[in-house]
Protein backbone atom coordinates (compact mmCIF):
# COMPACT_ATOMS: atom_id res chain seq x y z
CA MET A 1 27.91 2.95 -34.02
CA GLN A 2 27.89 3.30 -30.26
CA TYR A 3 28.26 6.99 -29.46
CA LEU A 4 28.07 10.30 -31.34
CA GLU A 5 29.38 13.47 -29.69
CA GLN A 6 30.33 16.84 -31.15
CA GLN A 7 29.33 15.91 -34.70
CA THR A 8 27.79 18.32 -37.24
CA VAL A 9 26.33 16.26 -40.08
CA VAL A 10 25.57 12.54 -39.91
CA SER A 11 23.63 10.63 -42.56
CA PHE A 12 22.48 7.03 -43.01
CA ASP A 13 20.90 6.36 -46.40
CA THR A 14 19.83 2.96 -47.77
CA CYS A 15 21.42 1.14 -44.86
CA VAL A 16 20.46 -2.21 -43.35
CA ASN A 17 21.35 -3.68 -39.96
CA ASP A 18 20.89 -7.46 -39.77
CA GLY A 19 22.91 -8.01 -36.61
CA ASN A 20 21.48 -8.32 -33.13
CA VAL A 21 22.52 -5.63 -30.63
CA THR A 22 22.83 -6.62 -26.98
CA GLY A 23 23.95 -4.35 -24.16
CA SER A 24 24.48 -4.92 -20.48
CA GLY A 25 24.28 -1.20 -19.69
CA ILE A 26 22.31 1.71 -21.16
CA ASP A 27 21.82 3.07 -24.69
CA GLY A 28 21.31 0.27 -27.19
CA GLY A 29 20.39 1.10 -30.78
CA GLY A 30 20.21 -0.81 -34.03
CA PHE A 31 22.13 2.03 -35.74
CA VAL A 32 23.39 4.35 -32.94
CA GLY A 33 23.52 3.79 -29.19
CA GLU A 34 23.69 7.41 -28.02
CA ILE A 35 23.70 10.93 -29.49
CA ALA A 36 24.75 13.43 -26.83
CA SER A 37 26.00 16.99 -26.27
CA ASN A 38 26.19 18.07 -29.91
CA ALA A 39 25.63 21.62 -31.17
CA ASN A 40 24.20 22.56 -34.56
CA MET A 41 23.81 18.94 -35.63
CA ASN A 42 21.82 17.65 -38.59
CA MET A 43 21.23 13.89 -38.66
CA THR A 44 19.21 11.89 -41.17
CA ILE A 45 18.23 8.24 -41.47
CA SER A 46 16.47 7.51 -44.75
CA ASN A 47 15.42 4.47 -46.76
CA SER A 48 16.93 2.24 -44.11
CA ILE A 49 15.99 -0.94 -42.24
CA ASN A 50 16.79 -2.45 -38.88
CA ASN A 51 16.26 -6.23 -38.82
CA GLY A 52 18.35 -6.93 -35.74
CA PHE A 53 16.98 -7.59 -32.29
CA VAL A 54 17.93 -4.81 -29.86
CA SER A 55 18.02 -5.82 -26.22
CA GLY A 56 19.50 -4.50 -23.02
CA SER A 57 19.52 -5.47 -19.39
CA ALA A 58 19.15 -1.79 -18.40
CA ASN A 59 17.57 1.25 -20.08
CA PHE A 60 17.09 3.20 -23.32
CA SER A 61 16.89 0.81 -26.28
CA GLY A 62 15.65 1.76 -29.76
CA GLY A 63 15.37 0.04 -33.10
CA PHE A 64 17.53 2.79 -34.62
CA ILE A 65 18.76 4.98 -31.72
CA GLY A 66 18.93 4.32 -28.00
CA LEU A 67 19.34 7.81 -26.50
CA ILE A 68 19.27 11.41 -27.79
CA SER A 69 20.42 13.68 -24.96
CA SER A 70 21.55 17.25 -24.23
CA ASN A 71 21.92 18.43 -27.82
CA THR A 72 21.46 22.06 -28.92
CA ASN A 73 20.10 23.28 -32.25
CA MET A 74 19.62 19.77 -33.58
CA THR A 75 17.52 18.43 -36.45
CA MET A 76 16.82 14.69 -36.49
CA THR A 77 14.96 13.22 -39.48
CA ILE A 78 13.98 9.58 -40.03
CA SER A 79 12.12 8.92 -43.27
CA ASN A 80 11.03 5.96 -45.39
CA SER A 81 12.55 3.57 -42.88
CA THR A 82 11.43 0.36 -41.17
CA ASN A 83 12.16 -1.40 -37.92
CA ASN A 84 11.63 -5.17 -38.03
CA GLY A 85 13.77 -6.01 -35.02
CA VAL A 86 12.26 -6.78 -31.62
CA VAL A 87 13.24 -4.17 -29.00
CA THR A 88 13.40 -5.26 -25.36
CA GLY A 89 14.80 -3.86 -22.13
CA GLU A 90 14.05 -2.63 -18.66
CA LEU A 91 12.92 0.98 -19.15
CA GLU A 92 12.30 3.52 -21.95
CA GLU A 93 12.26 1.46 -25.13
CA GLY A 94 11.06 2.57 -28.56
CA GLY A 95 10.68 0.94 -31.93
CA PHE A 96 12.77 3.77 -33.41
CA VAL A 97 14.18 5.80 -30.47
CA GLY A 98 14.29 4.87 -26.78
CA ARG A 99 14.78 8.16 -24.95
CA ILE A 100 14.87 11.84 -26.02
CA ILE A 101 15.84 14.02 -23.04
CA GLY A 102 17.25 17.43 -22.19
CA ASN A 103 17.62 18.83 -25.70
CA THR A 104 17.23 22.52 -26.60
CA ASN A 105 15.97 23.88 -29.92
CA MET A 106 15.46 20.45 -31.43
CA THR A 107 13.37 19.33 -34.38
CA MET A 108 12.48 15.63 -34.57
CA ILE A 109 10.69 14.26 -37.66
CA ILE A 110 9.62 10.68 -38.38
CA SER A 111 7.79 10.28 -41.69
CA ASN A 112 6.64 7.54 -44.06
CA SER A 113 8.04 4.92 -41.74
CA ILE A 114 6.97 1.61 -40.23
CA ASN A 115 7.51 -0.25 -36.99
CA ASN A 116 6.70 -3.92 -37.51
CA ALA A 117 8.34 -5.20 -34.38
CA ILE A 118 7.31 -6.04 -30.86
CA VAL A 119 8.53 -3.45 -28.35
CA THR A 120 8.53 -4.54 -24.74
CA GLY A 121 9.91 -3.31 -21.43
CA LYS A 122 9.72 -4.64 -17.92
CA ASN A 123 8.97 -1.19 -16.54
CA ASN A 124 7.70 2.15 -17.90
CA ASN A 125 7.82 4.51 -20.90
CA ILE A 126 7.53 2.18 -23.88
CA GLY A 127 6.42 3.26 -27.38
CA GLY A 128 6.08 1.84 -30.87
CA PHE A 129 8.25 4.67 -32.23
CA VAL A 130 9.56 6.63 -29.22
CA GLY A 131 9.71 5.54 -25.60
CA ILE A 132 9.94 8.93 -23.89
CA LEU A 133 10.16 12.65 -24.70
CA TYR A 134 11.33 14.25 -21.46
CA SER A 135 12.53 17.66 -20.28
CA ASN A 136 13.20 19.18 -23.71
CA THR A 137 12.98 22.92 -24.35
CA GLU A 138 11.85 24.61 -27.56
CA MET A 139 11.20 21.32 -29.34
CA THR A 140 9.14 20.45 -32.39
CA THR A 141 8.33 16.79 -32.97
CA THR A 142 6.29 15.29 -35.80
CA ILE A 143 5.32 11.73 -36.68
CA SER A 144 3.46 11.55 -39.99
CA HIS A 145 2.32 9.05 -42.62
CA SER A 146 3.63 6.21 -40.49
CA THR A 147 2.37 2.87 -39.19
CA SER A 148 3.08 0.70 -36.17
CA SER A 149 1.93 -2.91 -36.41
CA GLY A 150 4.04 -4.35 -33.60
CA ASN A 151 2.55 -5.03 -30.19
CA VAL A 152 3.81 -2.71 -27.43
CA THR A 153 3.91 -4.03 -23.87
CA GLY A 154 5.16 -2.78 -20.51
CA ASN A 155 4.18 -1.69 -17.03
CA GLY A 156 3.09 1.96 -17.26
CA ASN A 157 3.18 4.87 -19.73
CA ILE A 158 2.74 2.67 -22.79
CA GLY A 159 1.80 4.01 -26.24
CA GLY A 160 1.42 2.57 -29.71
CA PHE A 161 3.57 5.47 -30.99
CA VAL A 162 4.96 7.34 -27.94
CA GLY A 163 4.99 6.15 -24.35
CA PHE A 164 5.59 9.28 -22.24
CA ILE A 165 5.62 13.03 -23.04
CA SER A 166 6.65 14.85 -19.87
CA ASN A 167 8.22 17.99 -18.40
CA ASN A 168 8.84 19.64 -21.75
CA VAL A 169 8.72 23.43 -22.13
CA ASN A 170 7.56 25.18 -25.31
CA MET A 171 6.89 22.07 -27.34
CA THR A 172 4.90 21.55 -30.51
CA ALA A 173 3.97 17.90 -31.05
CA THR A 174 2.11 16.51 -34.06
CA ILE A 175 0.91 13.05 -35.06
CA LEU A 176 -0.89 12.91 -38.39
CA ASN A 177 -1.98 10.61 -41.20
CA SER A 178 -0.84 7.56 -39.26
CA THR A 179 -2.17 4.19 -38.12
CA ASN A 180 -1.60 1.93 -35.15
CA ASP A 181 -2.45 -1.71 -35.88
CA GLY A 182 -0.59 -3.23 -32.94
CA ASN A 183 -2.05 -4.15 -29.59
CA VAL A 184 -0.96 -1.98 -26.65
CA ASN A 185 -0.85 -3.59 -23.23
CA GLY A 186 0.10 -2.24 -19.81
CA SER A 187 0.02 -3.98 -16.48
CA ASN A 188 -0.39 -0.68 -14.65
CA TRP A 189 -1.21 2.95 -15.57
CA TYR A 190 -1.56 5.21 -18.65
CA ILE A 191 -1.98 3.11 -21.77
CA GLY A 192 -2.86 4.64 -25.19
CA GLY A 193 -3.23 3.47 -28.75
CA PHE A 194 -0.92 6.31 -29.81
CA VAL A 195 0.34 8.10 -26.66
CA GLY A 196 0.49 6.66 -23.16
CA VAL A 197 0.53 9.86 -21.10
CA ILE A 198 1.05 13.62 -21.56
CA TYR A 199 2.23 14.86 -18.17
CA LYS A 200 3.40 18.10 -16.59
CA ASN A 201 4.40 19.99 -19.74
CA THR A 202 4.36 23.79 -20.01
CA ASN A 203 3.27 25.53 -23.21
CA LEU A 204 2.46 22.41 -25.18
CA PHE A 205 0.68 22.61 -28.51
CA MET A 206 -0.43 19.19 -29.66
CA THR A 207 -2.16 18.22 -32.89
CA ILE A 208 -3.50 14.73 -33.58
CA SER A 209 -5.11 14.51 -37.01
CA ASP A 210 -6.16 11.82 -39.48
CA ILE A 211 -5.03 8.93 -37.31
CA VAL A 212 -6.62 5.53 -36.74
CA ASN A 213 -6.15 3.02 -33.96
CA ASN A 214 -7.14 -0.53 -34.88
CA GLY A 215 -5.26 -2.27 -32.08
CA PHE A 216 -6.65 -3.56 -28.81
CA VAL A 217 -5.74 -1.30 -25.89
CA THR A 218 -5.62 -3.00 -22.51
CA GLY A 219 -4.77 -1.43 -19.16
CA SER A 220 -4.96 -3.41 -15.97
CA GLY A 221 -4.45 -0.28 -13.85
CA LYS A 222 -5.49 3.35 -14.34
CA ASN A 223 -6.52 5.15 -17.50
CA ALA A 224 -6.38 3.53 -20.90
CA GLY A 225 -7.59 5.24 -24.07
CA GLY A 226 -7.90 4.30 -27.73
CA LEU A 227 -5.70 7.26 -28.70
CA VAL A 228 -4.25 8.72 -25.45
CA GLY A 229 -4.14 7.19 -21.98
CA ASP A 230 -3.95 10.30 -19.79
CA ILE A 231 -3.48 14.08 -20.05
CA ILE A 232 -2.47 15.27 -16.60
CA ASN A 233 -1.05 18.33 -14.80
CA ASN A 234 -0.09 20.36 -17.88
CA ILE A 235 0.04 24.17 -17.92
CA ASN A 236 -1.06 26.16 -20.97
CA MET A 237 -1.86 23.27 -23.28
CA ASP A 238 -3.71 23.48 -26.58
CA THR A 239 -4.77 20.11 -28.03
CA THR A 240 -6.66 19.30 -31.21
CA ILE A 241 -7.86 15.80 -32.12
CA SER A 242 -9.50 15.85 -35.55
CA ASP A 243 -10.56 13.45 -38.30
CA SER A 244 -9.44 10.52 -36.18
CA ALA A 245 -10.88 7.19 -35.13
CA ASN A 246 -10.57 4.43 -32.60
CA ASN A 247 -11.75 1.07 -33.93
CA GLY A 248 -10.02 -1.07 -31.34
CA ILE A 249 -11.47 -2.58 -28.21
CA VAL A 250 -10.41 -0.61 -25.11
CA THR A 251 -10.62 -2.60 -21.93
CA GLY A 252 -9.35 -2.43 -18.37
CA SER A 253 -10.09 -0.84 -15.05
CA TYR A 254 -10.46 2.83 -16.11
CA VAL A 255 -11.01 3.38 -19.84
CA GLY A 256 -12.15 5.82 -22.55
CA GLY A 257 -12.65 5.27 -26.27
CA LEU A 258 -10.30 8.10 -27.30
CA VAL A 259 -8.77 9.45 -24.06
CA GLY A 260 -8.68 7.75 -20.68
CA HIS A 261 -8.43 10.74 -18.34
CA ILE A 262 -8.01 14.54 -18.43
CA ASP A 263 -6.97 15.70 -14.97
CA GLY A 264 -5.36 18.60 -13.11
CA ASN A 265 -4.54 20.78 -16.12
CA THR A 266 -4.46 24.60 -16.00
CA GLU A 267 -5.21 26.93 -18.91
CA MET A 268 -6.14 24.13 -21.30
CA SER A 269 -8.09 23.90 -24.52
CA ILE A 270 -8.96 20.54 -26.11
CA GLN A 271 -11.06 20.07 -29.21
CA PHE A 272 -12.37 16.84 -30.72
CA SER A 273 -13.78 17.26 -34.23
CA ASN A 274 -14.90 14.93 -37.02
CA SER A 275 -13.80 11.95 -34.97
CA ILE A 276 -15.27 8.52 -34.27
CA ASN A 277 -15.13 5.84 -31.65
CA SER A 278 -16.46 2.53 -32.97
CA GLY A 279 -14.57 0.29 -30.56
CA PHE A 280 -16.15 -1.40 -27.58
CA VAL A 281 -15.14 0.34 -24.34
CA THR A 282 -15.42 -2.00 -21.39
CA SER A 283 -14.44 -1.50 -17.75
CA ASN A 284 -14.68 -3.45 -14.53
CA GLU A 285 -14.72 -0.13 -12.65
CA ASP A 286 -16.63 3.19 -12.78
CA PHE A 287 -16.28 6.26 -15.04
CA VAL A 288 -16.38 4.98 -18.64
CA GLY A 289 -16.76 7.14 -21.78
CA GLY A 290 -17.01 6.57 -25.51
CA PHE A 291 -14.59 9.50 -25.98
CA VAL A 292 -13.25 10.39 -22.51
CA ARG A 293 -13.56 8.45 -19.27
CA LEU A 294 -13.13 11.23 -16.67
CA ILE A 295 -12.52 14.99 -16.80
CA ASP A 296 -11.74 16.35 -13.34
CA SER A 297 -9.86 18.95 -11.30
CA ASN A 298 -8.98 21.17 -14.27
CA THR A 299 -8.81 24.97 -14.05
CA ASN A 300 -9.66 27.44 -16.83
CA MET A 301 -10.42 24.75 -19.38
CA VAL A 302 -12.38 24.68 -22.62
CA ILE A 303 -13.43 21.35 -24.14
CA ALA A 304 -15.40 20.99 -27.36
CA ILE A 305 -16.65 17.88 -29.15
CA SER A 306 -18.09 18.60 -32.61
CA ASN A 307 -19.22 16.70 -35.69
CA SER A 308 -18.29 13.45 -34.01
CA THR A 309 -19.81 10.04 -33.40
CA ASN A 310 -19.68 7.31 -30.81
CA SER A 311 -21.00 4.03 -32.19
CA GLY A 312 -19.09 1.79 -29.81
CA LYS A 313 -20.74 -0.06 -26.97
CA VAL A 314 -19.79 1.48 -23.59
CA THR A 315 -20.05 -0.78 -20.56
CA GLY A 316 -19.17 -0.27 -16.90
CA THR A 317 -19.89 -2.16 -13.73
CA LYS A 318 -19.99 0.58 -11.06
CA GLY A 319 -21.54 3.73 -12.53
CA TYR A 320 -20.89 6.98 -14.44
CA GLU A 321 -20.97 5.74 -18.04
CA GLY A 322 -21.48 8.08 -21.01
CA GLY A 323 -21.58 7.88 -24.79
CA PHE A 324 -18.99 10.67 -24.97
CA VAL A 325 -17.85 11.43 -21.39
CA GLY A 326 -18.25 9.33 -18.27
CA LEU A 327 -17.90 12.08 -15.65
CA PHE A 328 -17.19 15.81 -15.37
CA TYR A 329 -16.13 16.37 -11.77
CA SER A 330 -14.87 19.33 -9.69
CA ASN A 331 -13.54 21.52 -12.49
CA THR A 332 -13.04 25.27 -12.00
CA ASN A 333 -14.10 27.80 -14.64
CA MET A 334 -14.72 25.16 -17.26
CA THR A 335 -16.72 25.47 -20.47
CA GLY A 336 -17.72 22.40 -22.47
CA SER A 337 -19.79 21.78 -25.56
CA ILE A 338 -20.98 18.83 -27.61
CA SER A 339 -22.32 19.94 -30.99
CA TYR A 340 -23.49 18.33 -34.22
CA SER A 341 -22.64 14.93 -32.77
CA VAL A 342 -24.37 11.57 -32.45
CA ASN A 343 -24.22 8.68 -30.02
CA SER A 344 -25.55 5.45 -31.54
CA GLY A 345 -23.75 3.11 -29.17
CA ILE A 346 -25.40 1.08 -26.43
CA ILE A 347 -24.52 2.57 -23.04
CA THR A 348 -24.82 0.26 -20.04
CA GLY A 349 -23.91 0.77 -16.40
CA VAL A 350 -25.16 0.87 -12.85
CA ASP A 351 -26.03 4.47 -11.90
CA PHE A 352 -25.68 7.85 -13.66
CA VAL A 353 -25.64 6.48 -17.20
CA GLY A 354 -26.03 9.01 -20.03
CA GLY A 355 -26.32 8.91 -23.79
CA PHE A 356 -23.77 11.75 -23.93
CA VAL A 357 -22.46 12.31 -20.38
CA GLY A 358 -22.82 9.98 -17.41
CA LEU A 359 -22.69 12.75 -14.81
CA ILE A 360 -21.76 16.40 -14.37
CA SER A 361 -20.94 16.93 -10.71
CA SER A 362 -19.72 19.80 -8.56
CA GLU A 363 -19.62 19.86 -4.77
CA SER A 364 -18.33 23.33 -3.90
CA ASP A 365 -18.77 27.03 -4.67
CA SER A 366 -15.14 27.07 -5.81
CA TYR A 367 -16.05 24.92 -8.84
CA SER A 368 -17.99 26.02 -11.91
CA ILE A 369 -18.86 24.31 -15.19
CA LEU A 370 -21.04 25.11 -18.18
CA VAL A 371 -21.84 22.37 -20.71
CA ASP A 372 -23.84 23.03 -23.88
CA THR A 373 -25.36 20.32 -26.07
CA ILE A 374 -26.17 21.69 -29.52
CA ASN A 375 -27.84 20.14 -32.61
CA SER A 376 -26.97 16.62 -31.53
CA ALA A 377 -28.77 13.30 -31.20
CA ASN A 378 -28.71 10.23 -29.02
CA LYS A 379 -29.83 7.15 -30.97
CA GLY A 380 -28.42 4.48 -28.66
CA SER A 381 -30.14 2.73 -25.80
CA VAL A 382 -29.14 3.84 -22.30
CA SER A 383 -29.66 1.63 -19.25
CA GLY A 384 -28.72 1.77 -15.59
CA THR A 385 -29.22 -1.39 -13.61
CA GLU A 386 -29.67 0.30 -10.22
CA GLY A 387 -30.05 4.05 -10.63
CA MET A 388 -30.35 7.06 -12.90
CA ALA A 389 -30.23 6.76 -16.71
CA CYS A 390 -30.47 9.84 -18.95
CA GLY A 391 -30.92 10.29 -22.69
CA PHE A 392 -28.26 13.00 -22.88
CA VAL A 393 -26.75 14.20 -19.60
CA CYS A 394 -27.24 13.28 -15.95
CA VAL A 395 -26.88 15.92 -13.21
CA ASP A 396 -26.87 14.86 -9.57
CA PRO A 397 -29.46 16.96 -7.71
CA ASP A 398 -27.32 16.83 -4.56
CA TYR A 399 -24.00 17.84 -6.19
CA ASN A 400 -24.69 20.48 -8.79
CA VAL A 401 -23.14 23.66 -7.39
CA ASN A 402 -22.45 26.09 -10.26
CA VAL A 403 -23.41 23.49 -12.86
CA ASN A 404 -25.22 24.86 -15.93
CA THR A 405 -26.45 22.82 -18.90
CA THR A 406 -28.29 23.95 -22.02
């Protein structure tokens, strides 16, 4: 089925596609190419399988659906379904859905489903389930009790589940009780075991709970993370990561065990609780963290890490390595805490190497940060080959304006 427009109820139940789908333009899907401009639509795909290869020479390919665009009051549910067909294209490919853009009042649910296939794109926004969620308003999206075992590969914004979440307004996004077993590889920026990048959203409430990444995450460019590659330039964002683990090796130029980078956000709260990084985190650059690589240039932010453990080896070659965070830098009105947590991983770097935090730095009166460490323990060895090494937290005596630690 190529195109759905002005439909009300559409259902696929116990369906199988064994045929390959090849397009020379946009919108290729194993079941539906494009769903656009519908009002009050309810669509379900259940107990179904795509075995066909889906490929396009342009954009927006998905194992089930290529493009979902400009719908109003829509509910989309995919349950108990499996994609076995390789998905390839230029831009915005997903194991289930390629691109979701410009919808209003939409609910998207993927549950009890599996992506077994390789998903690859020559360019950006590639995901094991969804390539891109872009410019939607009043949207709720949930992926639960699902697994991706296919490798996901592209240039930038690459995620084991979702590649790119951007420019959405009033969105609630949830990933829970799910596992990524596939390797995630990007030749450039923003690579994550579950989500590549969360960028420039307004009023975003994100919950990540009871998820596990077992796949290798590799980013040759900026910001790779075992769970999320980058969280950047969002306004009014509330994020919870709980009861989750990264067991995969995270390697590249700029890397973190759970999150690569948290940068430029305003009015943000992020909480890590009951979570573990056991994967090796290895970089050929600076700023490396067992949980987060770099936290910088945020305004009015609260970050809390509680009841959590880093047991993974953290290694950098240029400085600022930490068991939990590599570097806090130039944040304004920021409060952070690490409580009831343990680092048992070996932390190795050049300068400013900490069992918990590599460095907390502030260079101006316009910046301010308070970080508390409470009822926690460092049990791992910490070594700097050329400079400062600290059991818990390093603070640069020359750049500590409005820095407070307890």
